[in-house]
Amino acid sequence: MTALFCSVKCPGSLILKAYDLAQELREAGTPVISGFHSPVEKDALVTLLRGSQPVVIALARGLEGMRMPAEFQKPIREGRLALVSAHPATLRRPTSQTAEERNRLVGALAERIIVIHAETGGRLERACEEFVQWGKPIFTLKSEHNANLVVMGARILQSGGF
């Protein structure tokens, strides 16, 4: 699986590239795992669910009592959408701590990690530092806004490079 991450705050120039990336992942049939929480990640999920590849949504809360969005029904029936959580079933609300734990789970389950953007000094950037320590290959999009990721060892993702 390929993990997909993006900070909540994302430069506009990367949002367009993220949309193209989601289409490429879908067309390549690449299995993707993410929390699909940030606006860019949510948009990517909409694109990915139009494909036929497996998609895994990792939650920062428990599964119990969760309302299943209508757009999840068909991919779940087809066996290509799964929801996972490392949190107690009764945990109803995500917190910043459970979001960090969710991101670690996503990183641990992924073969490689694509980071559309990680805000300098943010939680996602710290998670990426941890992923690098684990030896996970990290890729990012070419942009001056991703220099922090390149410095820590992320490679620039080439179009169709997955």
N, C-alpha and C. Protein backbone atom coordinates (compact mmCIF):
# COMPACT_ATOMS: atom_id res chain seq x y z
N MET A 1 0.83 -1.19 0.00
CA MET A 1 0.00 0.00 0.00
C MET A 1 0.87 1.24 0.00
N THR A 2 0.32 2.28 -0.52
CA THR A 2 0.96 3.59 -0.53
C THR A 2 0.19 4.50 0.41
N ALA A 3 0.90 5.11 1.37
CA ALA A 3 0.27 6.07 2.26
C ALA A 3 0.21 7.42 1.58
N LEU A 4 -0.85 8.15 1.85
CA LEU A 4 -1.02 9.49 1.29
C LEU A 4 -1.31 10.45 2.44
N PHE A 5 -0.47 11.50 2.52
CA PHE A 5 -0.62 12.49 3.58
C PHE A 5 -0.58 13.90 3.00
N CYS A 6 -1.27 14.82 3.66
CA CYS A 6 -1.16 16.24 3.35
C CYS A 6 -1.58 17.03 4.58
N SER A 7 -0.82 18.06 4.91
CA SER A 7 -1.19 18.95 6.00
C SER A 7 -2.51 19.64 5.68
N VAL A 8 -3.20 20.09 6.71
CA VAL A 8 -4.46 20.82 6.53
C VAL A 8 -4.21 22.08 5.71
N LYS A 9 -3.15 22.80 6.04
CA LYS A 9 -2.79 23.99 5.26
C LYS A 9 -1.88 23.54 4.13
N CYS A 10 -2.34 23.80 2.90
CA CYS A 10 -1.59 23.35 1.72
C CYS A 10 -1.58 24.48 0.70
N PRO A 11 -0.41 24.82 0.17
CA PRO A 11 -0.35 25.87 -0.86
C PRO A 11 -1.19 25.49 -2.08
N GLY A 12 -1.83 26.50 -2.68
CA GLY A 12 -2.70 26.28 -3.83
C GLY A 12 -2.02 25.58 -4.98
N SER A 13 -0.73 25.88 -5.21
CA SER A 13 -0.02 25.25 -6.32
C SER A 13 0.09 23.74 -6.13
N LEU A 14 0.08 23.29 -4.89
CA LEU A 14 0.17 21.85 -4.63
C LEU A 14 -1.20 21.17 -4.66
N ILE A 15 -2.25 21.94 -4.45
CA ILE A 15 -3.59 21.35 -4.49
C ILE A 15 -3.90 20.81 -5.89
N LEU A 16 -3.55 21.58 -6.91
CA LEU A 16 -3.77 21.11 -8.28
C LEU A 16 -2.92 19.88 -8.58
N LYS A 17 -1.68 19.88 -8.12
CA LYS A 17 -0.82 18.71 -8.32
C LYS A 17 -1.37 17.50 -7.58
N ALA A 18 -1.97 17.73 -6.41
CA ALA A 18 -2.54 16.64 -5.62
C ALA A 18 -3.70 15.98 -6.35
N TYR A 19 -4.50 16.79 -7.01
CA TYR A 19 -5.62 16.26 -7.77
C TYR A 19 -5.10 15.37 -8.90
N ASP A 20 -4.09 15.83 -9.62
CA ASP A 20 -3.48 15.03 -10.68
C ASP A 20 -2.89 13.74 -10.13
N LEU A 21 -2.24 13.84 -8.97
CA LEU A 21 -1.65 12.66 -8.34
C LEU A 21 -2.72 11.63 -8.00
N ALA A 22 -3.82 12.08 -7.42
CA ALA A 22 -4.91 11.16 -7.07
C ALA A 22 -5.43 10.44 -8.31
N GLN A 23 -5.55 11.16 -9.41
CA GLN A 23 -5.99 10.52 -10.67
C GLN A 23 -4.97 9.49 -11.14
N GLU A 24 -3.68 9.82 -11.03
CA GLU A 24 -2.64 8.87 -11.45
C GLU A 24 -2.65 7.63 -10.57
N LEU A 25 -2.82 7.81 -9.27
CA LEU A 25 -2.88 6.66 -8.37
C LEU A 25 -4.08 5.77 -8.72
N ARG A 26 -5.21 6.41 -9.00
CA ARG A 26 -6.42 5.67 -9.36
C ARG A 26 -6.20 4.89 -10.66
N GLU A 27 -5.67 5.58 -11.68
CA GLU A 27 -5.48 4.94 -12.98
C GLU A 27 -4.44 3.82 -12.93
N ALA A 28 -3.46 3.96 -12.04
CA ALA A 28 -2.44 2.93 -11.89
C ALA A 28 -2.93 1.75 -11.05
N GLY A 29 -4.09 1.91 -10.41
CA GLY A 29 -4.62 0.84 -9.56
C GLY A 29 -3.84 0.69 -8.27
N THR A 30 -3.22 1.76 -7.81
CA THR A 30 -2.38 1.72 -6.61
C THR A 30 -3.23 1.67 -5.36
N PRO A 31 -3.08 0.64 -4.51
CA PRO A 31 -3.78 0.62 -3.23
C PRO A 31 -3.28 1.77 -2.34
N VAL A 32 -4.21 2.51 -1.75
CA VAL A 32 -3.85 3.69 -0.97
C VAL A 32 -4.44 3.59 0.43
N ILE A 33 -3.65 4.00 1.42
CA ILE A 33 -4.11 4.11 2.80
C ILE A 33 -3.86 5.54 3.27
N SER A 34 -4.81 6.06 4.03
CA SER A 34 -4.69 7.42 4.55
C SER A 34 -5.75 7.62 5.62
N GLY A 35 -5.60 8.68 6.37
CA GLY A 35 -6.67 9.08 7.28
C GLY A 35 -7.75 9.83 6.52
N PHE A 36 -7.40 10.34 5.34
CA PHE A 36 -8.31 11.11 4.50
C PHE A 36 -9.04 12.16 5.34
N HIS A 37 -8.25 12.90 6.11
CA HIS A 37 -8.82 13.88 7.04
C HIS A 37 -8.68 15.32 6.56
N SER A 38 -7.51 15.68 6.04
CA SER A 38 -7.30 17.06 5.58
C SER A 38 -8.14 17.31 4.32
N PRO A 39 -8.41 18.57 3.99
CA PRO A 39 -9.21 18.84 2.79
C PRO A 39 -8.62 18.21 1.52
N VAL A 40 -7.32 18.27 1.35
CA VAL A 40 -6.70 17.69 0.14
C VAL A 40 -6.85 16.17 0.16
N GLU A 41 -6.67 15.56 1.32
CA GLU A 41 -6.83 14.10 1.42
C GLU A 41 -8.28 13.70 1.13
N LYS A 42 -9.24 14.49 1.62
CA LYS A 42 -10.66 14.19 1.35
C LYS A 42 -10.96 14.26 -0.14
N ASP A 43 -10.40 15.27 -0.81
CA ASP A 43 -10.60 15.37 -2.27
C ASP A 43 -9.98 14.18 -2.98
N ALA A 44 -8.81 13.74 -2.51
CA ALA A 44 -8.16 12.58 -3.11
C ALA A 44 -9.03 11.33 -2.93
N LEU A 45 -9.67 11.21 -1.77
CA LEU A 45 -10.53 10.05 -1.52
C LEU A 45 -11.68 9.99 -2.53
N VAL A 46 -12.28 11.12 -2.81
CA VAL A 46 -13.39 11.16 -3.79
C VAL A 46 -12.90 10.62 -5.13
N THR A 47 -11.72 11.06 -5.55
CA THR A 47 -11.15 10.59 -6.82
C THR A 47 -10.83 9.10 -6.76
N LEU A 48 -10.21 8.66 -5.68
CA LEU A 48 -9.82 7.25 -5.55
C LEU A 48 -11.03 6.32 -5.53
N LEU A 49 -12.11 6.75 -4.90
CA LEU A 49 -13.29 5.88 -4.81
C LEU A 49 -13.96 5.67 -6.16
N ARG A 50 -13.61 6.48 -7.15
CA ARG A 50 -14.13 6.28 -8.51
C ARG A 50 -13.36 5.20 -9.26
N GLY A 51 -12.29 4.71 -8.67
CA GLY A 51 -11.47 3.69 -9.32
C GLY A 51 -11.86 2.30 -8.88
N SER A 52 -10.94 1.36 -9.11
CA SER A 52 -11.20 -0.03 -8.73
C SER A 52 -10.14 -0.56 -7.77
N GLN A 53 -9.17 0.26 -7.42
CA GLN A 53 -8.10 -0.18 -6.52
C GLN A 53 -8.57 -0.19 -5.07
N PRO A 54 -7.91 -0.98 -4.22
CA PRO A 54 -8.25 -0.97 -2.79
C PRO A 54 -7.90 0.36 -2.15
N VAL A 55 -8.75 0.77 -1.21
CA VAL A 55 -8.53 1.98 -0.43
C VAL A 55 -8.77 1.63 1.03
N VAL A 56 -7.87 2.09 1.89
CA VAL A 56 -8.01 1.86 3.33
C VAL A 56 -8.07 3.22 4.02
N ILE A 57 -9.11 3.41 4.81
CA ILE A 57 -9.26 4.63 5.59
C ILE A 57 -8.93 4.29 7.04
N ALA A 58 -7.92 4.95 7.58
CA ALA A 58 -7.54 4.77 8.98
C ALA A 58 -8.17 5.89 9.79
N LEU A 59 -8.87 5.51 10.81
CA LEU A 59 -9.60 6.48 11.62
C LEU A 59 -8.80 6.90 12.86
N ALA A 60 -9.04 8.11 13.31
CA ALA A 60 -8.42 8.61 14.54
C ALA A 60 -9.42 8.49 15.69
N ARG A 61 -10.35 7.57 15.55
CA ARG A 61 -11.39 7.29 16.54
C ARG A 61 -11.76 5.82 16.42
N GLY A 62 -12.62 5.35 17.28
CA GLY A 62 -13.07 3.97 17.20
C GLY A 62 -14.11 3.79 16.11
N LEU A 63 -14.35 2.55 15.75
CA LEU A 63 -15.31 2.24 14.68
C LEU A 63 -16.76 2.18 15.16
N GLU A 64 -16.95 1.89 16.42
CA GLU A 64 -18.31 1.71 16.94
C GLU A 64 -19.13 2.99 16.83
N GLY A 65 -20.35 2.85 16.37
CA GLY A 65 -21.26 3.98 16.29
C GLY A 65 -20.99 4.94 15.15
N MET A 66 -20.07 4.59 14.28
CA MET A 66 -19.75 5.48 13.17
C MET A 66 -20.83 5.39 12.10
N ARG A 67 -21.27 6.53 11.62
CA ARG A 67 -22.21 6.55 10.50
C ARG A 67 -21.43 6.38 9.21
N MET A 68 -21.87 5.44 8.42
CA MET A 68 -21.18 5.15 7.18
C MET A 68 -21.72 6.05 6.07
N PRO A 69 -20.86 6.91 5.51
CA PRO A 69 -21.32 7.76 4.41
C PRO A 69 -21.81 6.93 3.24
N ALA A 70 -22.80 7.45 2.54
CA ALA A 70 -23.40 6.72 1.42
C ALA A 70 -22.37 6.36 0.35
N GLU A 71 -21.39 7.25 0.11
CA GLU A 71 -20.40 6.98 -0.93
C GLU A 71 -19.45 5.84 -0.57
N PHE A 72 -19.50 5.37 0.68
CA PHE A 72 -18.67 4.23 1.09
C PHE A 72 -19.36 2.89 0.82
N GLN A 73 -20.67 2.89 0.71
CA GLN A 73 -21.44 1.64 0.64
C GLN A 73 -21.02 0.74 -0.52
N LYS A 74 -20.99 1.27 -1.72
CA LYS A 74 -20.66 0.46 -2.89
C LYS A 74 -19.22 -0.08 -2.82
N PRO A 75 -18.20 0.76 -2.55
CA PRO A 75 -16.84 0.21 -2.48
C PRO A 75 -16.67 -0.82 -1.35
N ILE A 76 -17.41 -0.67 -0.27
CA ILE A 76 -17.33 -1.68 0.81
C ILE A 76 -17.93 -3.00 0.31
N ARG A 77 -19.10 -2.92 -0.34
CA ARG A 77 -19.73 -4.14 -0.88
C ARG A 77 -18.82 -4.83 -1.88
N GLU A 78 -18.10 -4.03 -2.66
CA GLU A 78 -17.19 -4.59 -3.67
C GLU A 78 -15.90 -5.13 -3.05
N GLY A 79 -15.71 -4.91 -1.76
CA GLY A 79 -14.52 -5.42 -1.08
C GLY A 79 -13.26 -4.63 -1.37
N ARG A 80 -13.41 -3.37 -1.77
CA ARG A 80 -12.22 -2.58 -2.07
C ARG A 80 -12.05 -1.37 -1.17
N LEU A 81 -12.92 -1.23 -0.18
CA LEU A 81 -12.78 -0.17 0.82
C LEU A 81 -12.84 -0.80 2.20
N ALA A 82 -11.82 -0.49 3.00
CA ALA A 82 -11.79 -0.97 4.38
C ALA A 82 -11.55 0.22 5.30
N LEU A 83 -12.14 0.15 6.48
CA LEU A 83 -11.90 1.13 7.52
C LEU A 83 -11.18 0.42 8.65
N VAL A 84 -10.11 1.03 9.14
CA VAL A 84 -9.35 0.45 10.25
C VAL A 84 -9.15 1.50 11.33
N SER A 85 -8.93 1.01 12.53
CA SER A 85 -8.66 1.89 13.65
C SER A 85 -7.82 1.14 14.67
N ALA A 86 -6.89 1.84 15.28
CA ALA A 86 -6.09 1.26 16.36
C ALA A 86 -6.61 1.71 17.71
N HIS A 87 -7.80 2.30 17.71
CA HIS A 87 -8.35 2.89 18.93
C HIS A 87 -9.51 2.05 19.44
N PRO A 88 -9.80 2.18 20.74
CA PRO A 88 -10.93 1.42 21.29
C PRO A 88 -12.22 1.71 20.52
N ALA A 89 -13.03 0.69 20.35
CA ALA A 89 -14.26 0.82 19.56
C ALA A 89 -15.14 1.94 20.07
N THR A 90 -15.10 2.21 21.36
CA THR A 90 -16.00 3.19 21.96
C THR A 90 -15.48 4.63 21.89
N LEU A 91 -14.25 4.83 21.42
CA LEU A 91 -13.71 6.19 21.30
C LEU A 91 -14.46 6.90 20.18
N ARG A 92 -15.25 7.91 20.52
CA ARG A 92 -16.15 8.54 19.57
C ARG A 92 -15.57 9.77 18.87
N ARG A 93 -14.66 10.48 19.50
CA ARG A 93 -14.16 11.73 18.92
C ARG A 93 -12.64 11.67 18.75
N PRO A 94 -12.19 12.05 17.57
CA PRO A 94 -10.74 12.10 17.37
C PRO A 94 -10.14 13.28 18.13
N THR A 95 -8.89 13.11 18.52
CA THR A 95 -8.13 14.17 19.17
C THR A 95 -6.82 14.33 18.42
N SER A 96 -6.06 15.35 18.75
CA SER A 96 -4.77 15.50 18.08
C SER A 96 -3.87 14.31 18.40
N GLN A 97 -3.97 13.76 19.60
CA GLN A 97 -3.18 12.59 19.96
C GLN A 97 -3.59 11.36 19.15
N THR A 98 -4.90 11.13 19.02
CA THR A 98 -5.34 9.95 18.25
C THR A 98 -5.05 10.14 16.77
N ALA A 99 -5.03 11.39 16.30
CA ALA A 99 -4.66 11.64 14.90
C ALA A 99 -3.19 11.30 14.67
N GLU A 100 -2.33 11.65 15.63
CA GLU A 100 -0.91 11.29 15.52
C GLU A 100 -0.74 9.78 15.52
N GLU A 101 -1.48 9.10 16.39
CA GLU A 101 -1.41 7.64 16.46
C GLU A 101 -1.92 7.02 15.15
N ARG A 102 -2.99 7.59 14.59
CA ARG A 102 -3.50 7.12 13.31
C ARG A 102 -2.46 7.28 12.22
N ASN A 103 -1.77 8.42 12.19
CA ASN A 103 -0.75 8.64 11.18
C ASN A 103 0.40 7.64 11.32
N ARG A 104 0.75 7.29 12.55
CA ARG A 104 1.79 6.26 12.75
C ARG A 104 1.32 4.92 12.20
N LEU A 105 0.05 4.59 12.44
CA LEU A 105 -0.51 3.33 11.91
C LEU A 105 -0.45 3.32 10.39
N VAL A 106 -0.87 4.41 9.78
CA VAL A 106 -0.84 4.52 8.31
C VAL A 106 0.60 4.34 7.81
N GLY A 107 1.54 5.03 8.44
CA GLY A 107 2.94 4.92 8.04
C GLY A 107 3.49 3.51 8.21
N ALA A 108 3.09 2.86 9.30
CA ALA A 108 3.58 1.50 9.57
C ALA A 108 3.03 0.49 8.55
N LEU A 109 1.79 0.67 8.13
CA LEU A 109 1.18 -0.28 7.21
C LEU A 109 1.60 -0.07 5.75
N ALA A 110 2.12 1.11 5.46
CA ALA A 110 2.44 1.45 4.07
C ALA A 110 3.82 0.94 3.67
N GLU A 111 3.91 0.58 2.40
CA GLU A 111 5.19 0.21 1.81
C GLU A 111 6.01 1.45 1.49
N ARG A 112 5.31 2.50 1.05
CA ARG A 112 5.94 3.78 0.76
C ARG A 112 4.95 4.88 1.12
N ILE A 113 5.48 6.09 1.27
CA ILE A 113 4.68 7.21 1.75
C ILE A 113 4.81 8.38 0.77
N ILE A 114 3.66 8.93 0.39
CA ILE A 114 3.64 10.14 -0.44
C ILE A 114 3.08 11.26 0.43
N VAL A 115 3.85 12.35 0.52
CA VAL A 115 3.42 13.51 1.29
C VAL A 115 3.24 14.66 0.31
N ILE A 116 2.01 15.06 0.11
CA ILE A 116 1.73 16.16 -0.80
C ILE A 116 2.34 17.44 -0.24
N HIS A 117 2.15 17.66 1.06
CA HIS A 117 2.75 18.81 1.73
C HIS A 117 2.72 18.56 3.23
N ALA A 118 3.82 18.90 3.90
CA ALA A 118 3.87 18.87 5.36
C ALA A 118 4.33 20.24 5.81
N GLU A 119 3.47 20.89 6.54
CA GLU A 119 3.78 22.24 7.01
C GLU A 119 5.03 22.22 7.89
N THR A 120 5.93 23.16 7.64
CA THR A 120 7.16 23.25 8.42
C THR A 120 6.83 23.42 9.89
N GLY A 121 7.40 22.55 10.72
CA GLY A 121 7.18 22.60 12.16
C GLY A 121 5.89 21.95 12.61
N GLY A 122 5.13 21.39 11.69
CA GLY A 122 3.84 20.79 12.03
C GLY A 122 3.94 19.34 12.46
N ARG A 123 2.82 18.81 12.87
CA ARG A 123 2.76 17.42 13.34
C ARG A 123 3.09 16.43 12.23
N LEU A 124 2.62 16.71 11.02
CA LEU A 124 2.92 15.79 9.92
C LEU A 124 4.40 15.78 9.61
N GLU A 125 5.05 16.93 9.68
CA GLU A 125 6.49 16.96 9.45
C GLU A 125 7.21 16.10 10.49
N ARG A 126 6.77 16.19 11.75
CA ARG A 126 7.37 15.34 12.80
C ARG A 126 7.12 13.86 12.53
N ALA A 127 5.92 13.53 12.05
CA ALA A 127 5.63 12.14 11.71
C ALA A 127 6.55 11.67 10.59
N CYS A 128 6.79 12.53 9.62
CA CYS A 128 7.68 12.18 8.51
C CYS A 128 9.10 11.91 9.00
N GLU A 129 9.55 12.69 9.96
CA GLU A 129 10.87 12.44 10.55
C GLU A 129 10.91 11.04 11.16
N GLU A 130 9.82 10.65 11.81
CA GLU A 130 9.74 9.32 12.39
C GLU A 130 9.73 8.25 11.30
N PHE A 131 9.00 8.48 10.21
CA PHE A 131 8.95 7.52 9.12
C PHE A 131 10.34 7.33 8.51
N VAL A 132 11.09 8.42 8.39
CA VAL A 132 12.46 8.34 7.87
C VAL A 132 13.31 7.46 8.79
N GLN A 133 13.16 7.64 10.10
CA GLN A 133 13.91 6.81 11.06
C GLN A 133 13.54 5.34 10.92
N TRP A 134 12.31 5.05 10.54
CA TRP A 134 11.88 3.67 10.33
C TRP A 134 12.42 3.10 9.04
N GLY A 135 12.98 3.94 8.19
CA GLY A 135 13.49 3.49 6.90
C GLY A 135 12.43 3.45 5.81
N LYS A 136 11.31 4.11 6.01
CA LYS A 136 10.24 4.13 5.01
C LYS A 136 10.61 5.08 3.88
N PRO A 137 10.44 4.69 2.64
CA PRO A 137 10.68 5.61 1.53
C PRO A 137 9.57 6.67 1.48
N ILE A 138 9.99 7.92 1.46
CA ILE A 138 9.05 9.04 1.41
C ILE A 138 9.25 9.78 0.11
N PHE A 139 8.12 10.10 -0.52
CA PHE A 139 8.11 10.85 -1.76
C PHE A 139 7.27 12.10 -1.56
N THR A 140 7.58 13.14 -2.31
CA THR A 140 6.81 14.37 -2.25
C THR A 140 6.74 14.98 -3.64
N LEU A 141 5.92 15.99 -3.78
CA LEU A 141 5.77 16.68 -5.05
C LEU A 141 6.79 17.79 -5.16
N LYS A 142 7.23 18.05 -6.38
CA LYS A 142 8.22 19.09 -6.61
C LYS A 142 7.59 20.46 -6.35
N SER A 143 8.16 21.16 -5.37
CA SER A 143 7.68 22.49 -5.00
C SER A 143 8.64 23.08 -3.98
N GLU A 144 8.82 24.38 -4.07
CA GLU A 144 9.64 25.05 -3.05
C GLU A 144 9.00 24.91 -1.67
N HIS A 145 7.70 24.64 -1.61
CA HIS A 145 7.00 24.48 -0.34
C HIS A 145 7.31 23.13 0.33
N ASN A 146 7.99 22.25 -0.39
CA ASN A 146 8.33 20.93 0.16
C ASN A 146 9.82 20.78 0.42
N ALA A 147 10.54 21.88 0.46
CA ALA A 147 11.99 21.82 0.71
C ALA A 147 12.29 21.15 2.05
N ASN A 148 11.44 21.36 3.04
CA ASN A 148 11.65 20.73 4.36
C ASN A 148 11.63 19.21 4.25
N LEU A 149 10.79 18.69 3.39
CA LEU A 149 10.72 17.23 3.21
C LEU A 149 11.93 16.69 2.46
N VAL A 150 12.36 17.42 1.46
CA VAL A 150 13.53 17.01 0.68
C VAL A 150 14.77 17.00 1.57
N VAL A 151 14.90 17.99 2.44
CA VAL A 151 16.04 18.05 3.36
C VAL A 151 16.08 16.82 4.25
N MET A 152 14.92 16.33 4.67
CA MET A 152 14.91 15.16 5.56
C MET A 152 15.05 13.84 4.80
N GLY A 153 15.09 13.91 3.46
CA GLY A 153 15.34 12.69 2.69
C GLY A 153 14.24 12.27 1.74
N ALA A 154 13.16 13.03 1.67
CA ALA A 154 12.09 12.67 0.73
C ALA A 154 12.58 12.85 -0.70
N ARG A 155 12.15 11.95 -1.56
CA ARG A 155 12.49 12.03 -2.98
C ARG A 155 11.33 12.68 -3.73
N ILE A 156 11.65 13.39 -4.78
CA ILE A 156 10.64 14.02 -5.61
C ILE A 156 9.95 12.93 -6.43
N LEU A 157 8.64 12.91 -6.34
CA LEU A 157 7.84 11.93 -7.08
C LEU A 157 7.74 12.35 -8.53
N GLN A 158 8.14 11.47 -9.40
CA GLN A 158 8.04 11.72 -10.84
C GLN A 158 6.66 11.25 -11.29
N SER A 159 6.07 11.93 -12.24
CA SER A 159 4.77 11.55 -12.76
C SER A 159 4.79 10.09 -13.21
N GLY A 160 3.81 9.33 -12.75
CA GLY A 160 3.74 7.92 -13.10
C GLY A 160 4.80 7.08 -12.40
N GLY A 161 5.40 7.65 -11.36
CA GLY A 161 6.52 6.98 -10.69
C GLY A 161 6.13 6.02 -9.59
N PHE A 162 4.95 5.45 -9.64
CA PHE A 162 4.56 4.49 -8.62
C PHE A 162 4.15 3.21 -9.30
